[in-house]
Amino acid sequence: MTKYEMLYILDASLSDEAKDGIIKKIEDLVSSNGGAVEKTDRWGVKKLQYPINYKSEGFYVLTTFEAEKTLVVELERIIGITDGIIRRMITKI
Protein backbone atom coordinates (compact mmCIF):
# COMPACT_ATOMS: atom_id res chain seq x y z
CA MET A 1 0.00 0.00 0.00
CA THR A 2 1.05 3.56 -0.68
CA LYS A 3 1.00 6.40 1.82
CA TYR A 4 -1.07 9.50 0.95
CA GLU A 5 -1.97 12.86 2.43
CA MET A 6 -5.30 14.49 1.74
CA LEU A 7 -5.91 18.14 2.54
CA TYR A 8 -9.50 19.24 2.20
CA ILE A 9 -11.42 22.38 3.02
CA LEU A 10 -14.89 22.25 4.53
CA ASP A 11 -17.43 25.05 4.46
CA ALA A 12 -16.75 27.11 7.61
CA SER A 13 -20.45 27.84 8.09
CA LEU A 14 -21.27 24.15 8.71
CA SER A 15 -22.15 23.12 12.25
CA ASP A 16 -19.57 21.19 14.29
CA GLU A 17 -21.72 18.05 14.03
CA ALA A 18 -21.82 18.33 10.23
CA LYS A 19 -18.03 18.81 10.04
CA ASP A 20 -17.49 15.80 12.32
CA GLY A 21 -19.87 13.76 10.17
CA ILE A 22 -17.99 14.54 6.95
CA ILE A 23 -14.61 13.78 8.55
CA LYS A 24 -15.94 10.49 9.95
CA LYS A 25 -17.45 9.61 6.55
CA ILE A 26 -14.07 10.02 4.87
CA GLU A 27 -12.22 8.04 7.54
CA ASP A 28 -14.82 5.25 7.35
CA LEU A 29 -14.59 5.19 3.56
CA VAL A 30 -10.82 4.66 3.73
CA SER A 31 -11.07 2.01 6.45
CA SER A 32 -13.93 0.05 4.89
CA ASN A 33 -12.12 -0.24 1.54
CA GLY A 34 -8.92 -1.78 2.85
CA GLY A 35 -7.01 1.39 3.70
CA ALA A 36 -5.69 2.58 7.04
CA VAL A 37 -6.05 6.10 8.44
CA GLU A 38 -2.89 7.09 10.32
CA LYS A 39 -4.03 10.46 11.63
CA THR A 40 -6.40 13.33 11.03
CA ASP A 41 -5.37 16.88 11.92
CA ARG A 42 -8.06 19.53 12.19
CA TRP A 43 -6.38 22.84 11.42
CA GLY A 44 -9.54 24.83 12.05
CA VAL A 45 -10.99 27.86 10.30
CA LYS A 46 -8.56 29.86 8.17
CA LYS A 47 -8.95 32.64 5.64
CA LEU A 48 -8.91 31.43 2.03
CA GLN A 49 -6.39 32.93 -0.38
CA TYR A 50 -9.24 33.88 -2.72
CA PRO A 51 -13.04 33.54 -2.46
CA ILE A 52 -14.45 30.14 -3.42
CA ASN A 53 -18.22 30.00 -4.01
CA TYR A 54 -18.47 33.47 -2.40
CA LYS A 55 -16.89 32.18 0.83
CA SER A 56 -13.75 33.73 2.30
CA GLU A 57 -13.08 31.21 5.13
CA GLY A 58 -12.78 27.45 5.26
CA PHE A 59 -12.22 24.70 7.83
CA TYR A 60 -8.99 22.87 6.91
CA VAL A 61 -8.47 19.14 7.60
CA LEU A 62 -5.34 17.06 6.85
CA THR A 63 -5.69 13.27 6.77
CA THR A 64 -2.75 10.87 6.37
CA PHE A 65 -3.61 7.34 5.22
CA GLU A 66 -2.37 4.24 3.42
CA ALA A 67 -4.35 2.83 0.52
CA GLU A 68 -4.27 1.31 -2.94
CA LYS A 69 -4.57 3.48 -6.07
CA THR A 70 -8.13 2.27 -6.73
CA LEU A 71 -9.26 3.56 -3.35
CA VAL A 72 -7.79 6.99 -4.09
CA VAL A 73 -9.77 7.19 -7.33
CA GLU A 74 -12.98 6.24 -5.47
CA LEU A 75 -12.19 8.73 -2.70
CA GLU A 76 -11.79 11.53 -5.27
CA ARG A 77 -15.17 10.61 -6.75
CA ILE A 78 -17.00 10.51 -3.40
CA ILE A 79 -15.44 13.76 -2.16
CA GLY A 80 -16.33 15.47 -5.43
CA ILE A 81 -20.04 14.84 -4.88
CA THR A 82 -20.12 15.46 -1.12
CA ASP A 83 -21.81 18.70 -0.08
CA GLY A 84 -19.82 20.85 2.32
CA ILE A 85 -16.37 20.14 0.86
CA ILE A 86 -15.05 23.19 -0.98
CA ARG A 87 -11.69 21.86 -2.21
CA ARG A 88 -9.52 18.77 -1.84
CA MET A 89 -6.05 17.63 -2.79
CA ILE A 90 -4.59 14.13 -2.44
CA THR A 91 -0.82 13.69 -2.73
CA LYS A 92 1.44 10.67 -2.50
CA ILE A 93 4.06 10.85 0.25
PDB file of N, CA and C in Angstrom:
ATOM      1  N   MET A   1       0.838  -1.183   0.000  1.00  0.00           N
ATOM      2  CA  MET A   1       0.000   0.000   0.000  1.00  0.00           C
ATOM      3  C   MET A   1       0.883   1.246   0.000  1.00  0.00           C
ATOM      4  N   THR A   2       0.340   2.287  -0.567  1.00  0.00           N
ATOM      5  CA  THR A   2       1.052   3.555  -0.682  1.00  0.00           C
ATOM      6  C   THR A   2       0.521   4.542   0.348  1.00  0.00           C
ATOM      7  N   LYS A   3       1.384   5.418   0.823  1.00  0.00           N
ATOM      8  CA  LYS A   3       0.999   6.403   1.818  1.00  0.00           C
ATOM      9  C   LYS A   3       0.585   7.699   1.117  1.00  0.00           C
ATOM     10  N   TYR A   4      -0.534   8.281   1.544  1.00  0.00           N
ATOM     11  CA  TYR A   4      -1.074   9.502   0.952  1.00  0.00           C
ATOM     12  C   TYR A   4      -1.409  10.524   2.030  1.00  0.00           C
ATOM     13  N   GLU A   5      -1.441  11.784   1.607  1.00  0.00           N
ATOM     14  CA  GLU A   5      -1.971  12.864   2.432  1.00  0.00           C
ATOM     15  C   GLU A   5      -3.103  13.506   1.661  1.00  0.00           C
ATOM     16  N   MET A   6      -4.169  13.807   2.368  1.00  0.00           N
ATOM     17  CA  MET A   6      -5.296  14.489   1.745  1.00  0.00           C
ATOM     18  C   MET A   6      -5.619  15.732   2.561  1.00  0.00           C
ATOM     19  N   LEU A   7      -5.528  16.883   1.913  1.00  0.00           N
ATOM     20  CA  LEU A   7      -5.907  18.141   2.538  1.00  0.00           C
ATOM     21  C   LEU A   7      -7.220  18.560   1.905  1.00  0.00           C
ATOM     22  N   TYR A   8      -8.219  18.785   2.731  1.00  0.00           N
ATOM     23  CA  TYR A   8      -9.496  19.241   2.199  1.00  0.00           C
ATOM     24  C   TYR A   8     -10.045  20.376   3.037  1.00  0.00           C
ATOM     25  N   ILE A   9     -10.861  21.192   2.390  1.00  0.00           N
ATOM     26  CA  ILE A   9     -11.421  22.381   3.024  1.00  0.00           C
ATOM     27  C   ILE A   9     -12.930  22.214   3.092  1.00  0.00           C
ATOM     28  N   LEU A  10     -13.452  22.310   4.314  1.00  0.00           N
ATOM     29  CA  LEU A  10     -14.894  22.248   4.532  1.00  0.00           C
ATOM     30  C   LEU A  10     -15.463  23.655   4.613  1.00  0.00           C
ATOM     31  N   ASP A  11     -16.734  23.775   4.324  1.00  0.00           N
ATOM     32  CA  ASP A  11     -17.433  25.048   4.458  1.00  0.00           C
ATOM     33  C   ASP A  11     -17.409  25.461   5.930  1.00  0.00           C
ATOM     34  N   ALA A  12     -16.886  26.648   6.227  1.00  0.00           N
ATOM     35  CA  ALA A  12     -16.747  27.105   7.614  1.00  0.00           C
ATOM     36  C   ALA A  12     -18.093  27.357   8.282  1.00  0.00           C
ATOM     37  N   SER A  13     -19.142  27.553   7.508  1.00  0.00           N
ATOM     38  CA  SER A  13     -20.446  27.836   8.094  1.00  0.00           C
ATOM     39  C   SER A  13     -21.194  26.571   8.530  1.00  0.00           C
ATOM     40  N   LEU A  14     -20.637  25.400   8.266  1.00  0.00           N
ATOM     41  CA  LEU A  14     -21.268  24.154   8.710  1.00  0.00           C
ATOM     42  C   LEU A  14     -21.213  24.050  10.229  1.00  0.00           C
ATOM     43  N   SER A  15     -22.174  23.348  10.806  1.00  0.00           N
ATOM     44  CA  SER A  15     -22.149  23.118  12.253  1.00  0.00           C
ATOM     45  C   SER A  15     -21.028  22.133  12.591  1.00  0.00           C
ATOM     46  N   ASP A  16     -20.632  22.113  13.862  1.00  0.00           N
ATOM     47  CA  ASP A  16     -19.574  21.194  14.287  1.00  0.00           C
ATOM     48  C   ASP A  16     -19.964  19.742  14.051  1.00  0.00           C
ATOM     49  N   GLU A  17     -21.243  19.415  14.248  1.00  0.00           N
ATOM     50  CA  GLU A  17     -21.721  18.046  14.028  1.00  0.00           C
ATOM     51  C   GLU A  17     -21.610  17.666  12.557  1.00  0.00           C
ATOM     52  N   ALA A  18     -21.907  18.605  11.668  1.00  0.00           N
ATOM     53  CA  ALA A  18     -21.821  18.329  10.233  1.00  0.00           C
ATOM     54  C   ALA A  18     -20.360  18.134   9.815  1.00  0.00           C
ATOM     55  N   LYS A  19     -19.465  18.962  10.354  1.00  0.00           N
ATOM     56  CA  LYS A  19     -18.032  18.810  10.044  1.00  0.00           C
ATOM     57  C   LYS A  19     -17.529  17.453  10.532  1.00  0.00           C
ATOM     58  N   ASP A  20     -17.901  17.100  11.773  1.00  0.00           N
ATOM     59  CA  ASP A  20     -17.487  15.801  12.320  1.00  0.00           C
ATOM     60  C   ASP A  20     -18.040  14.657  11.479  1.00  0.00           C
ATOM     61  N   GLY A  21     -19.263  14.796  10.991  1.00  0.00           N
ATOM     62  CA  GLY A  21     -19.874  13.758  10.171  1.00  0.00           C
ATOM     63  C   GLY A  21     -19.136  13.554   8.859  1.00  0.00           C
ATOM     64  N   ILE A  22     -18.721  14.645   8.212  1.00  0.00           N
ATOM     65  CA  ILE A  22     -17.992  14.535   6.952  1.00  0.00           C
ATOM     66  C   ILE A  22     -16.619  13.908   7.186  1.00  0.00           C
ATOM     67  N   ILE A  23     -15.932  14.337   8.242  1.00  0.00           N
ATOM     68  CA  ILE A  23     -14.608  13.784   8.552  1.00  0.00           C
ATOM     69  C   ILE A  23     -14.716  12.299   8.853  1.00  0.00           C
ATOM     70  N   LYS A  24     -15.723  11.905   9.621  1.00  0.00           N
ATOM     71  CA  LYS A  24     -15.939  10.487   9.946  1.00  0.00           C
ATOM     72  C   LYS A  24     -16.280   9.690   8.695  1.00  0.00           C
ATOM     73  N   LYS A  25     -17.072  10.276   7.802  1.00  0.00           N
ATOM     74  CA  LYS A  25     -17.447   9.607   6.555  1.00  0.00           C
ATOM     75  C   LYS A  25     -16.202   9.290   5.720  1.00  0.00           C
ATOM     76  N   ILE A  26     -15.281  10.232   5.648  1.00  0.00           N
ATOM     77  CA  ILE A  26     -14.066  10.023   4.869  1.00  0.00           C
ATOM     78  C   ILE A  26     -13.180   8.965   5.521  1.00  0.00           C
ATOM     79  N   GLU A  27     -13.022   9.040   6.844  1.00  0.00           N
ATOM     80  CA  GLU A  27     -12.216   8.038   7.542  1.00  0.00           C
ATOM     81  C   GLU A  27     -12.829   6.648   7.400  1.00  0.00           C
ATOM     82  N   ASP A  28     -14.147   6.535   7.504  1.00  0.00           N
ATOM     83  CA  ASP A  28     -14.822   5.246   7.348  1.00  0.00           C
ATOM     84  C   ASP A  28     -14.683   4.712   5.927  1.00  0.00           C
ATOM     85  N   LEU A  29     -14.724   5.599   4.948  1.00  0.00           N
ATOM     86  CA  LEU A  29     -14.586   5.191   3.555  1.00  0.00           C
ATOM     87  C   LEU A  29     -13.203   4.583   3.312  1.00  0.00           C
ATOM     88  N   VAL A  30     -12.176   5.200   3.868  1.00  0.00           N
ATOM     89  CA  VAL A  30     -10.815   4.661   3.726  1.00  0.00           C
ATOM     90  C   VAL A  30     -10.704   3.315   4.432  1.00  0.00           C
ATOM     91  N   SER A  31     -11.188   3.239   5.659  1.00  0.00           N
ATOM     92  CA  SER A  31     -11.067   2.012   6.453  1.00  0.00           C
ATOM     93  C   SER A  31     -11.867   0.855   5.869  1.00  0.00           C
ATOM     94  N   SER A  32     -13.069   1.117   5.380  1.00  0.00           N
ATOM     95  CA  SER A  32     -13.927   0.048   4.887  1.00  0.00           C
ATOM     96  C   SER A  32     -13.478  -0.501   3.539  1.00  0.00           C
ATOM     97  N   ASN A  33     -12.600   0.221   2.836  1.00  0.00           N
ATOM     98  CA  ASN A  33     -12.121  -0.239   1.536  1.00  0.00           C
ATOM     99  C   ASN A  33     -10.683  -0.736   1.576  1.00  0.00           C
ATOM    100  N   GLY A  34     -10.228  -1.166   2.742  1.00  0.00           N
ATOM    101  CA  GLY A  34      -8.915  -1.782   2.853  1.00  0.00           C
ATOM    102  C   GLY A  34      -7.774  -0.838   3.153  1.00  0.00           C
ATOM    103  N   GLY A  35      -8.062   0.427   3.359  1.00  0.00           N
ATOM    104  CA  GLY A  35      -7.013   1.387   3.699  1.00  0.00           C
ATOM    105  C   GLY A  35      -6.871   1.531   5.204  1.00  0.00           C
ATOM    106  N   ALA A  36      -5.915   2.345   5.619  1.00  0.00           N
ATOM    107  CA  ALA A  36      -5.686   2.579   7.042  1.00  0.00           C
ATOM    108  C   ALA A  36      -5.423   4.063   7.267  1.00  0.00           C
ATOM    109  N   VAL A  37      -6.239   4.694   8.097  1.00  0.00           N
ATOM    110  CA  VAL A  37      -6.052   6.105   8.435  1.00  0.00           C
ATOM    111  C   VAL A  37      -5.012   6.195   9.543  1.00  0.00           C
ATOM    112  N   GLU A  38      -3.933   6.921   9.308  1.00  0.00           N
ATOM    113  CA  GLU A  38      -2.895   7.093  10.320  1.00  0.00           C
ATOM    114  C   GLU A  38      -3.260   8.201  11.293  1.00  0.00           C
ATOM    115  N   LYS A  39      -3.626   9.372  10.753  1.00  0.00           N
ATOM    116  CA  LYS A  39      -4.032  10.459  11.633  1.00  0.00           C
ATOM    117  C   LYS A  39      -4.835  11.496  10.856  1.00  0.00           C
ATOM    118  N   THR A  40      -5.613  12.249  11.592  1.00  0.00           N
ATOM    119  CA  THR A  40      -6.402  13.332  11.029  1.00  0.00           C
ATOM    120  C   THR A  40      -6.157  14.577  11.869  1.00  0.00           C
ATOM    121  N   ASP A  41      -5.641  15.609  11.241  1.00  0.00           N
ATOM    122  CA  ASP A  41      -5.374  16.879  11.920  1.00  0.00           C
ATOM    123  C   ASP A  41      -6.414  17.901  11.489  1.00  0.00           C
ATOM    124  N   ARG A  42      -7.082  18.473  12.464  1.00  0.00           N
ATOM    125  CA  ARG A  42      -8.056  19.534  12.189  1.00  0.00           C
ATOM    126  C   ARG A  42      -7.352  20.867  12.415  1.00  0.00           C
ATOM    127  N   TRP A  43      -7.092  21.569  11.329  1.00  0.00           N
ATOM    128  CA  TRP A  43      -6.384  22.837  11.423  1.00  0.00           C
ATOM    129  C   TRP A  43      -7.301  23.972  11.831  1.00  0.00           C
ATOM    130  N   GLY A  44      -8.585  23.797  11.655  1.00  0.00           N
ATOM    131  CA  GLY A  44      -9.540  24.828  12.047  1.00  0.00           C
ATOM    132  C   GLY A  44      -9.849  25.792  10.915  1.00  0.00           C
ATOM    133  N   VAL A  45     -10.531  26.879  11.278  1.00  0.00           N
ATOM    134  CA  VAL A  45     -10.985  27.865  10.301  1.00  0.00           C
ATOM    135  C   VAL A  45      -9.833  28.802   9.958  1.00  0.00           C
ATOM    136  N   LYS A  46      -9.601  28.957   8.665  1.00  0.00           N
ATOM    137  CA  LYS A  46      -8.564  29.857   8.170  1.00  0.00           C
ATOM    138  C   LYS A  46      -9.120  30.644   6.993  1.00  0.00           C
ATOM    139  N   LYS A  47      -8.543  31.806   6.766  1.00  0.00           N
ATOM    140  CA  LYS A  47      -8.952  32.642   5.638  1.00  0.00           C
ATOM    141  C   LYS A  47      -8.445  32.010   4.347  1.00  0.00           C
ATOM    142  N   LEU A  48      -9.292  31.962   3.335  1.00  0.00           N
ATOM    143  CA  LEU A  48      -8.910  31.432   2.034  1.00  0.00           C
ATOM    144  C   LEU A  48      -8.090  32.472   1.281  1.00  0.00           C
ATOM    145  N   GLN A  49      -7.216  32.026   0.410  1.00  0.00           N
ATOM    146  CA  GLN A  49      -6.389  32.932  -0.376  1.00  0.00           C
ATOM    147  C   GLN A  49      -7.247  33.780  -1.316  1.00  0.00           C
ATOM    148  N   TYR A  50      -8.312  33.178  -1.843  1.00  0.00           N
ATOM    149  CA  TYR A  50      -9.241  33.881  -2.724  1.00  0.00           C
ATOM    150  C   TYR A  50     -10.626  33.295  -2.468  1.00  0.00           C
ATOM    151  N   PRO A  51     -11.686  34.051  -2.716  1.00  0.00           N
ATOM    152  CA  PRO A  51     -13.043  33.538  -2.456  1.00  0.00           C
ATOM    153  C   PRO A  51     -13.367  32.326  -3.326  1.00  0.00           C
ATOM    154  N   ILE A  52     -13.982  31.336  -2.713  1.00  0.00           N
ATOM    155  CA  ILE A  52     -14.454  30.142  -3.416  1.00  0.00           C
ATOM    156  C   ILE A  52     -15.945  30.032  -3.121  1.00  0.00           C
ATOM    157  N   ASN A  53     -16.757  30.040  -4.161  1.00  0.00           N
ATOM    158  CA  ASN A  53     -18.222  30.003  -4.008  1.00  0.00           C
ATOM    159  C   ASN A  53     -18.701  31.103  -3.058  1.00  0.00           C
ATOM    160  N   TYR A  54     -18.133  32.289  -3.200  1.00  0.00           N
ATOM    161  CA  TYR A  54     -18.473  33.468  -2.399  1.00  0.00           C
ATOM    162  C   TYR A  54     -18.169  33.291  -0.911  1.00  0.00           C
ATOM    163  N   LYS A  55     -17.284  32.404  -0.566  1.00  0.00           N
ATOM    164  CA  LYS A  55     -16.890  32.183   0.830  1.00  0.00           C
ATOM    165  C   LYS A  55     -15.436  32.595   0.988  1.00  0.00           C
ATOM    166  N   SER A  56     -15.120  33.252   2.098  1.00  0.00           N
ATOM    167  CA  SER A  56     -13.754  33.732   2.302  1.00  0.00           C
ATOM    168  C   SER A  56     -13.018  32.958   3.396  1.00  0.00           C
ATOM    169  N   GLU A  57     -13.708  32.032   4.097  1.00  0.00           N
ATOM    170  CA  GLU A  57     -13.081  31.212   5.130  1.00  0.00           C
ATOM    171  C   GLU A  57     -13.445  29.753   4.931  1.00  0.00           C
ATOM    172  N   GLY A  58     -12.537  28.882   5.357  1.00  0.00           N
ATOM    173  CA  GLY A  58     -12.777  27.453   5.259  1.00  0.00           C
ATOM    174  C   GLY A  58     -12.181  26.727   6.448  1.00  0.00           C
ATOM    175  N   PHE A  59     -12.705  25.542   6.734  1.00  0.00           N
ATOM    176  CA  PHE A  59     -12.220  24.698   7.827  1.00  0.00           C
ATOM    177  C   PHE A  59     -11.298  23.659   7.209  1.00  0.00           C
ATOM    178  N   TYR A  60      -9.999  23.733   7.518  1.00  0.00           N
ATOM    179  CA  TYR A  60      -8.987  22.868   6.909  1.00  0.00           C
ATOM    180  C   TYR A  60      -8.810  21.576   7.709  1.00  0.00           C
ATOM    181  N   VAL A  61      -8.692  20.447   6.983  1.00  0.00           N
ATOM    182  CA  VAL A  61      -8.469  19.137   7.598  1.00  0.00           C
ATOM    183  C   VAL A  61      -7.391  18.413   6.791  1.00  0.00           C
ATOM    184  N   LEU A  62      -6.397  17.844   7.488  1.00  0.00           N
ATOM    185  CA  LEU A  62      -5.338  17.064   6.848  1.00  0.00           C
ATOM    186  C   LEU A  62      -5.432  15.632   7.349  1.00  0.00           C
ATOM    187  N   THR A  63      -5.593  14.685   6.430  1.00  0.00           N
ATOM    188  CA  THR A  63      -5.686  13.268   6.774  1.00  0.00           C
ATOM    189  C   THR A  63      -4.538  12.517   6.108  1.00  0.00           C
ATOM    190  N   THR A  64      -3.821  11.719   6.885  1.00  0.00           N
ATOM    191  CA  THR A  64      -2.745  10.873   6.375  1.00  0.00           C
ATOM    192  C   THR A  64      -3.245   9.429   6.413  1.00  0.00           C
ATOM    193  N   PHE A  65      -3.105   8.717   5.286  1.00  0.00           N
ATOM    194  CA  PHE A  65      -3.613   7.345   5.222  1.00  0.00           C
ATOM    195  C   PHE A  65      -2.804   6.510   4.244  1.00  0.00           C
ATOM    196  N   GLU A  66      -2.969   5.190   4.354  1.00  0.00           N
ATOM    197  CA  GLU A  66      -2.370   4.244   3.419  1.00  0.00           C
ATOM    198  C   GLU A  66      -3.490   3.568   2.653  1.00  0.00           C
ATOM    199  N   ALA A  67      -3.290   3.429   1.344  1.00  0.00           N
ATOM    200  CA  ALA A  67      -4.346   2.826   0.521  1.00  0.00           C
ATOM    201  C   ALA A  67      -3.776   2.409  -0.834  1.00  0.00           C
ATOM    202  N   GLU A  68      -4.589   1.675  -1.561  1.00  0.00           N
ATOM    203  CA  GLU A  68      -4.273   1.310  -2.936  1.00  0.00           C
ATOM    204  C   GLU A  68      -4.752   2.427  -3.872  1.00  0.00           C
ATOM    205  N   LYS A  69      -4.232   2.440  -5.089  1.00  0.00           N
ATOM    206  CA  LYS A  69      -4.574   3.478  -6.071  1.00  0.00           C
ATOM    207  C   LYS A  69      -6.075   3.487  -6.381  1.00  0.00           C
ATOM    208  N   THR A  70      -6.707   2.322  -6.412  1.00  0.00           N
ATOM    209  CA  THR A  70      -8.134   2.265  -6.735  1.00  0.00           C
ATOM    210  C   THR A  70      -8.976   2.963  -5.670  1.00  0.00           C
ATOM    211  N   LEU A  71      -8.541   2.882  -4.420  1.00  0.00           N
ATOM    212  CA  LEU A  71      -9.265   3.565  -3.351  1.00  0.00           C
ATOM    213  C   LEU A  71      -9.146   5.075  -3.492  1.00  0.00           C
ATOM    214  N   VAL A  72      -7.990   5.554  -3.924  1.00  0.00           N
ATOM    215  CA  VAL A  72      -7.791   6.993  -4.094  1.00  0.00           C
ATOM    216  C   VAL A  72      -8.714   7.531  -5.180  1.00  0.00           C
ATOM    217  N   VAL A  73      -8.868   6.785  -6.256  1.00  0.00           N
ATOM    218  CA  VAL A  73      -9.775   7.189  -7.330  1.00  0.00           C
ATOM    219  C   VAL A  73     -11.214   7.254  -6.809  1.00  0.00           C
ATOM    220  N   GLU A  74     -11.624   6.258  -6.044  1.00  0.00           N
ATOM    221  CA  GLU A  74     -12.979   6.238  -5.473  1.00  0.00           C
ATOM    222  C   GLU A  74     -13.154   7.375  -4.468  1.00  0.00           C
ATOM    223  N   LEU A  75     -12.139   7.648  -3.684  1.00  0.00           N
ATOM    224  CA  LEU A  75     -12.185   8.735  -2.704  1.00  0.00           C
ATOM    225  C   LEU A  75     -12.357  10.083  -3.401  1.00  0.00           C
ATOM    226  N   GLU A  76     -11.636  10.302  -4.486  1.00  0.00           N
ATOM    227  CA  GLU A  76     -11.786  11.533  -5.273  1.00  0.00           C
ATOM    228  C   GLU A  76     -13.222  11.676  -5.766  1.00  0.00           C
ATOM    229  N   ARG A  77     -13.807  10.577  -6.219  1.00  0.00           N
ATOM    230  CA  ARG A  77     -15.169  10.615  -6.745  1.00  0.00           C
ATOM    231  C   ARG A  77     -16.172  10.963  -5.640  1.00  0.00           C
ATOM    232  N   ILE A  78     -16.064  10.290  -4.507  1.00  0.00           N
ATOM    233  CA  ILE A  78     -16.999  10.510  -3.400  1.00  0.00           C
ATOM    234  C   ILE A  78     -16.873  11.935  -2.858  1.00  0.00           C
ATOM    235  N   ILE A  79     -15.654  12.410  -2.692  1.00  0.00           N
ATOM    236  CA  ILE A  79     -15.443  13.756  -2.159  1.00  0.00           C
ATOM    237  C   ILE A  79     -15.968  14.805  -3.138  1.00  0.00           C
ATOM    238  N   GLY A  80     -15.849  14.532  -4.418  1.00  0.00           N
ATOM    239  CA  GLY A  80     -16.333  15.474  -5.427  1.00  0.00           C
ATOM    240  C   GLY A  80     -17.833  15.689  -5.394  1.00  0.00           C
ATOM    241  N   ILE A  81     -18.580  14.705  -4.917  1.00  0.00           N
ATOM    242  CA  ILE A  81     -20.038  14.837  -4.882  1.00  0.00           C
ATOM    243  C   ILE A  81     -20.577  15.084  -3.479  1.00  0.00           C
ATOM    244  N   THR A  82     -19.692  15.232  -2.496  1.00  0.00           N
ATOM    245  CA  THR A  82     -20.123  15.465  -1.123  1.00  0.00           C
ATOM    246  C   THR A  82     -20.335  16.953  -0.881  1.00  0.00           C
ATOM    247  N   ASP A  83     -21.525  17.305  -0.417  1.00  0.00           N
ATOM    248  CA  ASP A  83     -21.809  18.699  -0.084  1.00  0.00           C
ATOM    249  C   ASP A  83     -21.026  19.108   1.147  1.00  0.00           C
ATOM    250  N   GLY A  84     -20.544  20.334   1.167  1.00  0.00           N
ATOM    251  CA  GLY A  84     -19.819  20.847   2.317  1.00  0.00           C
ATOM    252  C   GLY A  84     -18.320  20.862   2.134  1.00  0.00           C
ATOM    253  N   ILE A  85     -17.803  20.124   1.134  1.00  0.00           N
ATOM    254  CA  ILE A  85     -16.367  20.137   0.861  1.00  0.00           C
ATOM    255  C   ILE A  85     -16.118  21.116  -0.281  1.00  0.00           C
ATOM    256  N   ILE A  86     -15.312  22.138   0.010  1.00  0.00           N
ATOM    257  CA  ILE A  86     -15.049  23.191  -0.979  1.00  0.00           C
ATOM    258  C   ILE A  86     -13.951  22.764  -1.945  1.00  0.00           C
ATOM    259  N   ARG A  87     -12.823  22.304  -1.413  1.00  0.00           N
ATOM    260  CA  ARG A  87     -11.689  21.864  -2.215  1.00  0.00           C
ATOM    261  C   ARG A  87     -11.029  20.668  -1.562  1.00  0.00           C
ATOM    262  N   ARG A  88     -10.280  19.893  -2.382  1.00  0.00           N
ATOM    263  CA  ARG A  88      -9.519  18.770  -1.837  1.00  0.00           C
ATOM    264  C   ARG A  88      -8.281  18.556  -2.704  1.00  0.00           C
ATOM    265  N   MET A  89      -7.268  17.956  -2.082  1.00  0.00           N
ATOM    266  CA  MET A  89      -6.048  17.629  -2.788  1.00  0.00           C
ATOM    267  C   MET A  89      -5.444  16.392  -2.134  1.00  0.00           C
ATOM    268  N   ILE A  90      -5.196  15.366  -2.936  1.00  0.00           N
ATOM    269  CA  ILE A  90      -4.587  14.130  -2.445  1.00  0.00           C
ATOM    270  C   ILE A  90      -3.205  14.018  -3.089  1.00  0.00           C
ATOM    271  N   THR A  91      -2.186  13.836  -2.240  1.00  0.00           N
ATOM    272  CA  THR A  91      -0.817  13.692  -2.734  1.00  0.00           C
ATOM    273  C   THR A  91      -0.179  12.436  -2.155  1.00  0.00           C
ATOM    274  N   LYS A  92       0.705  11.850  -2.943  1.00  0.00           N
ATOM    275  CA  LYS A  92       1.444  10.670  -2.501  1.00  0.00           C
ATOM    276  C   LYS A  92       2.650  11.137  -1.715  1.00  0.00           C
ATOM    277  N   ILE A  93       2.902  10.486  -0.579  1.00  0.00           N
ATOM    278  CA  ILE A  93       4.062  10.852   0.247  1.00  0.00           C
ATOM    279  C   ILE A  93       5.255  10.034  -0.204  1.00  0.00           C
TER     280      ILE A  93
END
